[in-house]
Amino acid sequence: MRAVITVVGKDAVGILAKVANRCSDHKINVIEVTQSILQDMFAMIMMVDVTACDIPFTQLVDEMMDLGNENGLVIHCMHEDIFNAMHTI
């Protein structure tokens, strides 16, 4: 089972590391990452494998949102099935 994590906010040192460490804390494998700096704004999309995640997905969503709030970022974590359904016409 995979999920998509998006991160947007003012650029700062360690954003990728903080999100990746939180994933690692819960046995989530980062499959792919793309990030970009647009002037002073950081934007990142991660595809992660949550098959071995040690907490319920809803708790992961809440933890990522809290991590974003603590760091002045907007972090969304969405199950791949929901992401695909939103982008299917």
PDB file of N, CA and C in Angstrom:
ATOM      1  N   MET A   1       0.846  -1.168   0.000  1.00  0.00           N
ATOM      2  CA  MET A   1       0.000   0.000   0.000  1.00  0.00           C
ATOM      3  C   MET A   1       0.895   1.236   0.000  1.00  0.00           C
ATOM      4  N   ARG A   2       0.585   2.177  -0.869  1.00  0.00           N
ATOM      5  CA  ARG A   2       1.401   3.384  -0.976  1.00  0.00           C
ATOM      6  C   ARG A   2       0.583   4.619  -0.625  1.00  0.00           C
ATOM      7  N   ALA A   3       1.321   5.683  -0.323  1.00  0.00           N
ATOM      8  CA  ALA A   3       0.688   6.965  -0.011  1.00  0.00           C
ATOM      9  C   ALA A   3       1.518   8.076  -0.646  1.00  0.00           C
ATOM     10  N   VAL A   4       0.887   9.222  -0.814  1.00  0.00           N
ATOM     11  CA  VAL A   4       1.541  10.411  -1.344  1.00  0.00           C
ATOM     12  C   VAL A   4       1.587  11.439  -0.227  1.00  0.00           C
ATOM     13  N   ILE A   5       2.785  11.979   0.016  1.00  0.00           N
ATOM     14  CA  ILE A   5       2.959  13.030   1.011  1.00  0.00           C
ATOM     15  C   ILE A   5       3.397  14.280   0.272  1.00  0.00           C
ATOM     16  N   THR A   6       2.678  15.375   0.477  1.00  0.00           N
ATOM     17  CA  THR A   6       3.070  16.648  -0.114  1.00  0.00           C
ATOM     18  C   THR A   6       3.448  17.615   0.994  1.00  0.00           C
ATOM     19  N   VAL A   7       4.459  18.433   0.708  1.00  0.00           N
ATOM     20  CA  VAL A   7       4.956  19.407   1.680  1.00  0.00           C
ATOM     21  C   VAL A   7       5.159  20.734   0.954  1.00  0.00           C
ATOM     22  N   VAL A   8       4.593  21.803   1.509  1.00  0.00           N
ATOM     23  CA  VAL A   8       4.758  23.141   0.941  1.00  0.00           C
ATOM     24  C   VAL A   8       4.995  24.113   2.083  1.00  0.00           C
ATOM     25  N   GLY A   9       5.937  25.030   1.881  1.00  0.00           N
ATOM     26  CA  GLY A   9       6.178  26.060   2.886  1.00  0.00           C
ATOM     27  C   GLY A   9       7.433  26.843   2.587  1.00  0.00           C
ATOM     28  N   LYS A  10       7.744  27.766   3.456  1.00  0.00           N
ATOM     29  CA  LYS A  10       8.949  28.573   3.312  1.00  0.00           C
ATOM     30  C   LYS A  10      10.164  27.661   3.429  1.00  0.00           C
ATOM     31  N   ASP A  11      11.127  27.835   2.532  1.00  0.00           N
ATOM     32  CA  ASP A  11      12.308  26.985   2.517  1.00  0.00           C
ATOM     33  C   ASP A  11      13.116  27.146   3.801  1.00  0.00           C
ATOM     34  N   ALA A  12      13.625  26.041   4.302  1.00  0.00           N
ATOM     35  CA  ALA A  12      14.476  26.015   5.492  1.00  0.00           C
ATOM     36  C   ALA A  12      15.310  24.747   5.445  1.00  0.00           C
ATOM     37  N   VAL A  13      16.392  24.758   6.166  1.00  0.00           N
ATOM     38  CA  VAL A  13      17.265  23.588   6.243  1.00  0.00           C
ATOM     39  C   VAL A  13      16.547  22.452   6.971  1.00  0.00           C
ATOM     40  N   GLY A  14      16.618  21.242   6.415  1.00  0.00           N
ATOM     41  CA  GLY A  14      16.157  20.057   7.122  1.00  0.00           C
ATOM     42  C   GLY A  14      14.726  19.620   6.900  1.00  0.00           C
ATOM     43  N   ILE A  15      13.998  20.256   5.999  1.00  0.00           N
ATOM     44  CA  ILE A  15      12.596  19.865   5.795  1.00  0.00           C
ATOM     45  C   ILE A  15      12.506  18.419   5.319  1.00  0.00           C
ATOM     46  N   LEU A  16      13.251  18.090   4.291  1.00  0.00           N
ATOM     47  CA  LEU A  16      13.231  16.727   3.771  1.00  0.00           C
ATOM     48  C   LEU A  16      13.618  15.732   4.863  1.00  0.00           C
ATOM     49  N   ALA A  17      14.643  16.057   5.632  1.00  0.00           N
ATOM     50  CA  ALA A  17      15.109  15.170   6.704  1.00  0.00           C
ATOM     51  C   ALA A  17      14.032  14.959   7.763  1.00  0.00           C
ATOM     52  N   LYS A  18      13.330  16.006   8.141  1.00  0.00           N
ATOM     53  CA  LYS A  18      12.294  15.877   9.176  1.00  0.00           C
ATOM     54  C   LYS A  18      11.168  14.950   8.723  1.00  0.00           C
ATOM     55  N   VAL A  19      10.731  15.121   7.487  1.00  0.00           N
ATOM     56  CA  VAL A  19       9.643  14.288   6.980  1.00  0.00           C
ATOM     57  C   VAL A  19      10.129  12.848   6.801  1.00  0.00           C
ATOM     58  N   ALA A  20      11.329  12.677   6.249  1.00  0.00           N
ATOM     59  CA  ALA A  20      11.874  11.327   6.053  1.00  0.00           C
ATOM     60  C   ALA A  20      12.114  10.631   7.392  1.00  0.00           C
ATOM     61  N   ASN A  21      12.583  11.366   8.392  1.00  0.00           N
ATOM     62  CA  ASN A  21      12.793  10.770   9.713  1.00  0.00           C
ATOM     63  C   ASN A  21      11.478  10.318  10.332  1.00  0.00           C
ATOM     64  N   ARG A  22      10.426  11.113  10.167  1.00  0.00           N
ATOM     65  CA  ARG A  22       9.121  10.707  10.696  1.00  0.00           C
ATOM     66  C   ARG A  22       8.650   9.433  10.002  1.00  0.00           C
ATOM     67  N   CYS A  23       8.892   9.350   8.701  1.00  0.00           N
ATOM     68  CA  CYS A  23       8.549   8.123   7.977  1.00  0.00           C
ATOM     69  C   CYS A  23       9.339   6.948   8.545  1.00  0.00           C
ATOM     70  N   SER A  24      10.623   7.134   8.716  1.00  0.00           N
ATOM     71  CA  SER A  24      11.486   6.082   9.248  1.00  0.00           C
ATOM     72  C   SER A  24      11.044   5.644  10.637  1.00  0.00           C
ATOM     73  N   ASP A  25      10.620   6.594  11.458  1.00  0.00           N
ATOM     74  CA  ASP A  25      10.156   6.279  12.811  1.00  0.00           C
ATOM     75  C   ASP A  25       9.020   5.257  12.803  1.00  0.00           C
ATOM     76  N   HIS A  26       8.243   5.253  11.717  1.00  0.00           N
ATOM     77  CA  HIS A  26       7.072   4.376  11.635  1.00  0.00           C
ATOM     78  C   HIS A  26       7.224   3.279  10.581  1.00  0.00           C
ATOM     79  N   LYS A  27       8.481   2.986  10.211  1.00  0.00           N
ATOM     80  CA  LYS A  27       8.778   1.898   9.272  1.00  0.00           C
ATOM     81  C   LYS A  27       8.154   2.104   7.897  1.00  0.00           C
ATOM     82  N   ILE A  28       8.103   3.358   7.480  1.00  0.00           N
ATOM     83  CA  ILE A  28       7.574   3.735   6.170  1.00  0.00           C
ATOM     84  C   ILE A  28       8.755   3.922   5.229  1.00  0.00           C
ATOM     85  N   ASN A  29       8.719   3.239   4.094  1.00  0.00           N
ATOM     86  CA  ASN A  29       9.795   3.320   3.115  1.00  0.00           C
ATOM     87  C   ASN A  29       9.514   4.424   2.105  1.00  0.00           C
ATOM     88  N   VAL A  30      10.467   5.338   1.934  1.00  0.00           N
ATOM     89  CA  VAL A  30      10.345   6.388   0.927  1.00  0.00           C
ATOM     90  C   VAL A  30      10.765   5.792  -0.409  1.00  0.00           C
ATOM     91  N   ILE A  31       9.840   5.782  -1.364  1.00  0.00           N
ATOM     92  CA  ILE A  31      10.081   5.175  -2.666  1.00  0.00           C
ATOM     93  C   ILE A  31      10.661   6.191  -3.643  1.00  0.00           C
ATOM     94  N   GLU A  32      10.063   7.370  -3.653  1.00  0.00           N
ATOM     95  CA  GLU A  32      10.474   8.397  -4.612  1.00  0.00           C
ATOM     96  C   GLU A  32      10.219   9.773  -4.026  1.00  0.00           C
ATOM     97  N   VAL A  33      11.112  10.708  -4.353  1.00  0.00           N
ATOM     98  CA  VAL A  33      10.978  12.084  -3.864  1.00  0.00           C
ATOM     99  C   VAL A  33      11.286  13.040  -4.999  1.00  0.00           C
ATOM    100  N   THR A  34      10.474  14.069  -5.108  1.00  0.00           N
ATOM    101  CA  THR A  34      10.802  15.180  -5.979  1.00  0.00           C
ATOM    102  C   THR A  34      10.588  16.442  -5.160  1.00  0.00           C
ATOM    103  N   GLN A  35      11.529  17.359  -5.269  1.00  0.00           N
ATOM    104  CA  GLN A  35      11.394  18.609  -4.529  1.00  0.00           C
ATOM    105  C   GLN A  35      11.893  19.746  -5.386  1.00  0.00           C
ATOM    106  N   SER A  36      11.416  20.922  -5.063  1.00  0.00           N
ATOM    107  CA  SER A  36      11.809  22.101  -5.808  1.00  0.00           C
ATOM    108  C   SER A  36      11.768  23.308  -4.877  1.00  0.00           C
ATOM    109  N   ILE A  37      12.638  24.245  -5.138  1.00  0.00           N
ATOM    110  CA  ILE A  37      12.624  25.518  -4.430  1.00  0.00           C
ATOM    111  C   ILE A  37      12.173  26.567  -5.438  1.00  0.00           C
ATOM    112  N   LEU A  38      11.061  27.210  -5.166  1.00  0.00           N
ATOM    113  CA  LEU A  38      10.513  28.245  -6.033  1.00  0.00           C
ATOM    114  C   LEU A  38      10.661  29.575  -5.311  1.00  0.00           C
ATOM    115  N   GLN A  39      11.693  30.340  -5.695  1.00  0.00           N
ATOM    116  CA  GLN A  39      12.110  31.530  -4.979  1.00  0.00           C
ATOM    117  C   GLN A  39      12.427  31.120  -3.544  1.00  0.00           C
ATOM    118  N   ASP A  40      11.611  31.469  -2.572  1.00  0.00           N
ATOM    119  CA  ASP A  40      11.908  31.048  -1.195  1.00  0.00           C
ATOM    120  C   ASP A  40      10.899  30.018  -0.672  1.00  0.00           C
ATOM    121  N   MET A  41      10.158  29.410  -1.597  1.00  0.00           N
ATOM    122  CA  MET A  41       9.158  28.415  -1.215  1.00  0.00           C
ATOM    123  C   MET A  41       9.653  27.009  -1.541  1.00  0.00           C
ATOM    124  N   PHE A  42       9.452  26.097  -0.589  1.00  0.00           N
ATOM    125  CA  PHE A  42       9.833  24.697  -0.723  1.00  0.00           C
ATOM    126  C   PHE A  42       8.591  23.911  -1.115  1.00  0.00           C
ATOM    127  N   ALA A  43       8.732  23.027  -2.107  1.00  0.00           N
ATOM    128  CA  ALA A  43       7.629  22.153  -2.508  1.00  0.00           C
ATOM    129  C   ALA A  43       8.188  20.741  -2.706  1.00  0.00           C
ATOM    130  N   MET A  44       7.533  19.752  -2.126  1.00  0.00           N
ATOM    131  CA  MET A  44       8.016  18.377  -2.223  1.00  0.00           C
ATOM    132  C   MET A  44       6.832  17.415  -2.345  1.00  0.00           C
ATOM    133  N   ILE A  45       7.051  16.373  -3.145  1.00  0.00           N
ATOM    134  CA  ILE A  45       6.107  15.270  -3.243  1.00  0.00           C
ATOM    135  C   ILE A  45       6.889  13.995  -2.982  1.00  0.00           C
ATOM    136  N   MET A  46       6.380  13.175  -2.086  1.00  0.00           N
ATOM    137  CA  MET A  46       7.008  11.882  -1.773  1.00  0.00           C
ATOM    138  C   MET A  46       6.004  10.771  -2.040  1.00  0.00           C
ATOM    139  N   MET A  47       6.483   9.701  -2.653  1.00  0.00           N
ATOM    140  CA  MET A  47       5.700   8.470  -2.751  1.00  0.00           C
ATOM    141  C   MET A  47       6.307   7.535  -1.719  1.00  0.00           C
ATOM    142  N   VAL A  48       5.474   7.009  -0.819  1.00  0.00           N
ATOM    143  CA  VAL A  48       5.967   6.158   0.263  1.00  0.00           C
ATOM    144  C   VAL A  48       5.193   4.850   0.299  1.00  0.00           C
ATOM    145  N   ASP A  49       5.857   3.821   0.800  1.00  0.00           N
ATOM    146  CA  ASP A  49       5.230   2.518   1.000  1.00  0.00           C
ATOM    147  C   ASP A  49       4.866   2.409   2.478  1.00  0.00           C
ATOM    148  N   VAL A  50       3.576   2.351   2.768  1.00  0.00           N
ATOM    149  CA  VAL A  50       3.102   2.311   4.155  1.00  0.00           C
ATOM    150  C   VAL A  50       2.679   0.901   4.585  1.00  0.00           C
ATOM    151  N   THR A  51       3.068  -0.105   3.816  1.00  0.00           N
ATOM    152  CA  THR A  51       2.685  -1.490   4.112  1.00  0.00           C
ATOM    153  C   THR A  51       3.107  -1.909   5.516  1.00  0.00           C
ATOM    154  N   ALA A  52       4.311  -1.545   5.924  1.00  0.00           N
ATOM    155  CA  ALA A  52       4.844  -1.961   7.228  1.00  0.00           C
ATOM    156  C   ALA A  52       4.640  -0.899   8.312  1.00  0.00           C
ATOM    157  N   CYS A  53       3.875   0.132   8.022  1.00  0.00           N
ATOM    158  CA  CYS A  53       3.668   1.221   8.989  1.00  0.00           C
ATOM    159  C   CYS A  53       3.120   0.661  10.302  1.00  0.00           C
ATOM    160  N   ASP A  54       3.682   1.133  11.415  1.00  0.00           N
ATOM    161  CA  ASP A  54       3.324   0.583  12.728  1.00  0.00           C
ATOM    162  C   ASP A  54       2.221   1.361  13.456  1.00  0.00           C
ATOM    163  N   ILE A  55       1.591   2.301  12.758  1.00  0.00           N
ATOM    164  CA  ILE A  55       0.462   3.043  13.326  1.00  0.00           C
ATOM    165  C   ILE A  55      -0.662   3.074  12.290  1.00  0.00           C
ATOM    166  N   PRO A  56      -1.892   3.297  12.715  1.00  0.00           N
ATOM    167  CA  PRO A  56      -2.992   3.423  11.750  1.00  0.00           C
ATOM    168  C   PRO A  56      -2.757   4.604  10.805  1.00  0.00           C
ATOM    169  N   PHE A  57      -3.228   4.463   9.574  1.00  0.00           N
ATOM    170  CA  PHE A  57      -3.008   5.505   8.567  1.00  0.00           C
ATOM    171  C   PHE A  57      -3.559   6.858   9.020  1.00  0.00           C
ATOM    172  N   THR A  58      -4.704   6.849   9.677  1.00  0.00           N
ATOM    173  CA  THR A  58      -5.289   8.117  10.136  1.00  0.00           C
ATOM    174  C   THR A  58      -4.381   8.816  11.148  1.00  0.00           C
ATOM    175  N   GLN A  59      -3.705   8.036  11.968  1.00  0.00           N
ATOM    176  CA  GLN A  59      -2.763   8.614  12.933  1.00  0.00           C
ATOM    177  C   GLN A  59      -1.556   9.198  12.206  1.00  0.00           C
ATOM    178  N   LEU A  60      -1.097   8.522  11.154  1.00  0.00           N
ATOM    179  CA  LEU A  60       0.003   9.046  10.347  1.00  0.00           C
ATOM    180  C   LEU A  60      -0.374  10.390   9.733  1.00  0.00           C
ATOM    181  N   VAL A  61      -1.582  10.468   9.201  1.00  0.00           N
ATOM    182  CA  VAL A  61      -2.063  11.716   8.608  1.00  0.00           C
ATOM    183  C   VAL A  61      -2.005  12.836   9.649  1.00  0.00           C
ATOM    184  N   ASP A  62      -2.494  12.560  10.848  1.00  0.00           N
ATOM    185  CA  ASP A  62      -2.487  13.554  11.922  1.00  0.00           C
ATOM    186  C   ASP A  62      -1.067  13.938  12.326  1.00  0.00           C
ATOM    187  N   GLU A  63      -0.167  12.955  12.424  1.00  0.00           N
ATOM    188  CA  GLU A  63       1.222  13.246  12.806  1.00  0.00           C
ATOM    189  C   GLU A  63       1.919  14.113  11.771  1.00  0.00           C
ATOM    190  N   MET A  64       1.676  13.834  10.498  1.00  0.00           N
ATOM    191  CA  MET A  64       2.296  14.644   9.444  1.00  0.00           C
ATOM    192  C   MET A  64       1.738  16.065   9.464  1.00  0.00           C
ATOM    193  N   MET A  65       0.437  16.195   9.711  1.00  0.00           N
ATOM    194  CA  MET A  65      -0.155  17.519   9.799  1.00  0.00           C
ATOM    195  C   MET A  65       0.441  18.287  10.985  1.00  0.00           C
ATOM    196  N   ASP A  66       0.603  17.609  12.113  1.00  0.00           N
ATOM    197  CA  ASP A  66       1.206  18.234  13.291  1.00  0.00           C
ATOM    198  C   ASP A  66       2.657  18.632  13.025  1.00  0.00           C
ATOM    199  N   LEU A  67       3.405  17.765  12.342  1.00  0.00           N
ATOM    200  CA  LEU A  67       4.787  18.083  11.985  1.00  0.00           C
ATOM    201  C   LEU A  67       4.834  19.344  11.128  1.00  0.00           C
ATOM    202  N   GLY A  68       3.910  19.442  10.210  1.00  0.00           N
ATOM    203  CA  GLY A  68       3.826  20.642   9.378  1.00  0.00           C
ATOM    204  C   GLY A  68       3.527  21.877  10.209  1.00  0.00           C
ATOM    205  N   ASN A  69       2.558  21.777  11.090  1.00  0.00           N
ATOM    206  CA  ASN A  69       2.198  22.923  11.933  1.00  0.00           C
ATOM    207  C   ASN A  69       3.356  23.369  12.810  1.00  0.00           C
ATOM    208  N   GLU A  70       4.126  22.413  13.332  1.00  0.00           N
ATOM    209  CA  GLU A  70       5.271  22.734  14.182  1.00  0.00           C
ATOM    210  C   GLU A  70       6.378  23.452  13.422  1.00  0.00           C
ATOM    211  N   ASN A  71       6.416  23.256  12.099  1.00  0.00           N
ATOM    212  CA  ASN A  71       7.514  23.789  11.299  1.00  0.00           C
ATOM    213  C   ASN A  71       7.069  24.827  10.268  1.00  0.00           C
ATOM    214  N   GLY A  72       5.853  25.316  10.388  1.00  0.00           N
ATOM    215  CA  GLY A  72       5.362  26.333   9.466  1.00  0.00           C
ATOM    216  C   GLY A  72       5.175  25.816   8.049  1.00  0.00           C
ATOM    217  N   LEU A  73       4.788  24.551   7.920  1.00  0.00           N
ATOM    218  CA  LEU A  73       4.608  23.910   6.620  1.00  0.00           C
ATOM    219  C   LEU A  73       3.189  23.366   6.502  1.00  0.00           C
ATOM    220  N   VAL A  74       2.781  23.122   5.279  1.00  0.00           N
ATOM    221  CA  VAL A  74       1.524  22.415   5.039  1.00  0.00           C
ATOM    222  C   VAL A  74       1.913  21.030   4.531  1.00  0.00           C
ATOM    223  N   ILE A  75       1.603  20.015   5.321  1.00  0.00           N
ATOM    224  CA  ILE A  75       1.927  18.635   4.959  1.00  0.00           C
ATOM    225  C   ILE A  75       0.628  17.836   4.869  1.00  0.00           C
ATOM    226  N   HIS A  76       0.425  17.234   3.695  1.00  0.00           N
ATOM    227  CA  HIS A  76      -0.731  16.361   3.481  1.00  0.00           C
ATOM    228  C   HIS A  76      -0.234  14.956   3.196  1.00  0.00           C
ATOM    229  N   CYS A  77      -0.913  13.988   3.765  1.00  0.00           N
ATOM    230  CA  CYS A  77      -0.606  12.578   3.530  1.00  0.00           C
ATOM    231  C   CYS A  77      -1.899  11.934   3.035  1.00  0.00           C
ATOM    232  N   MET A  78      -1.836  11.352   1.841  1.00  0.00           N
ATOM    233  CA  MET A  78      -3.034  10.826   1.214  1.00  0.00           C
ATOM    234  C   MET A  78      -2.774   9.416   0.689  1.00  0.00           C
ATOM    235  N   HIS A  79      -3.678   8.503   0.961  1.00  0.00           N
ATOM    236  CA  HIS A  79      -3.573   7.143   0.442  1.00  0.00           C
ATOM    237  C   HIS A  79      -3.563   7.200  -1.084  1.00  0.00           C
ATOM    238  N   GLU A  80      -2.758   6.358  -1.707  1.00  0.00           N
ATOM    239  CA  GLU A  80      -2.615   6.372  -3.159  1.00  0.00           C
ATOM    240  C   GLU A  80      -3.953   6.171  -3.875  1.00  0.00           C
ATOM    241  N   ASP A  81      -4.824   5.339  -3.351  1.00  0.00           N
ATOM    242  CA  ASP A  81      -6.117   5.106  -3.995  1.00  0.00           C
ATOM    243  C   ASP A  81      -6.946   6.382  -4.062  1.00  0.00           C
ATOM    244  N   ILE A  82      -6.935   7.174  -3.000  1.00  0.00           N
ATOM    245  CA  ILE A  82      -7.658   8.451  -2.991  1.00  0.00           C
ATOM    246  C   ILE A  82      -7.025   9.414  -3.991  1.00  0.00           C
ATOM    247  N   PHE A  83      -5.686   9.481  -3.971  1.00  0.00           N
ATOM    248  CA  PHE A  83      -4.962  10.351  -4.905  1.00  0.00           C
ATOM    249  C   PHE A  83      -5.319   9.992  -6.340  1.00  0.00           C
ATOM    250  N   ASN A  84      -5.287   8.711  -6.669  1.00  0.00           N
ATOM    251  CA  ASN A  84      -5.603   8.280  -8.037  1.00  0.00           C
ATOM    252  C   ASN A  84      -7.055   8.571  -8.403  1.00  0.00           C
ATOM    253  N   ALA A  85      -7.968   8.367  -7.471  1.00  0.00           N
ATOM    254  CA  ALA A  85      -9.389   8.637  -7.743  1.00  0.00           C
ATOM    255  C   ALA A  85      -9.626  10.122  -8.008  1.00  0.00           C
ATOM    256  N   MET A  86      -8.902  10.972  -7.307  1.00  0.00           N
ATOM    257  CA  MET A  86      -9.061  12.426  -7.503  1.00  0.00           C
ATOM    258  C   MET A  86      -8.560  12.874  -8.876  1.00  0.00           C
ATOM    259  N   HIS A  87      -7.626  12.119  -9.442  1.00  0.00           N
ATOM    260  CA  HIS A  87      -7.013  12.526 -10.692  1.00  0.00           C
ATOM    261  C   HIS A  87      -7.444  11.668 -11.886  1.00  0.00           C
ATOM    262  N   THR A  88      -8.554  10.959 -11.715  1.00  0.00           N
ATOM    263  CA  THR A  88      -9.102  10.148 -12.790  1.00  0.00           C
ATOM    264  C   THR A  88     -10.336  10.828 -13.331  1.00  0.00           C
ATOM    265  N   ILE A  89     -10.368  10.960 -14.630  1.00  0.00           N
ATOM    266  CA  ILE A  89     -11.535  11.609 -15.262  1.00  0.00           C
ATOM    267  C   ILE A  89     -12.405  10.552 -15.900  1.00  0.00           C
TER     268      ILE A  89
END
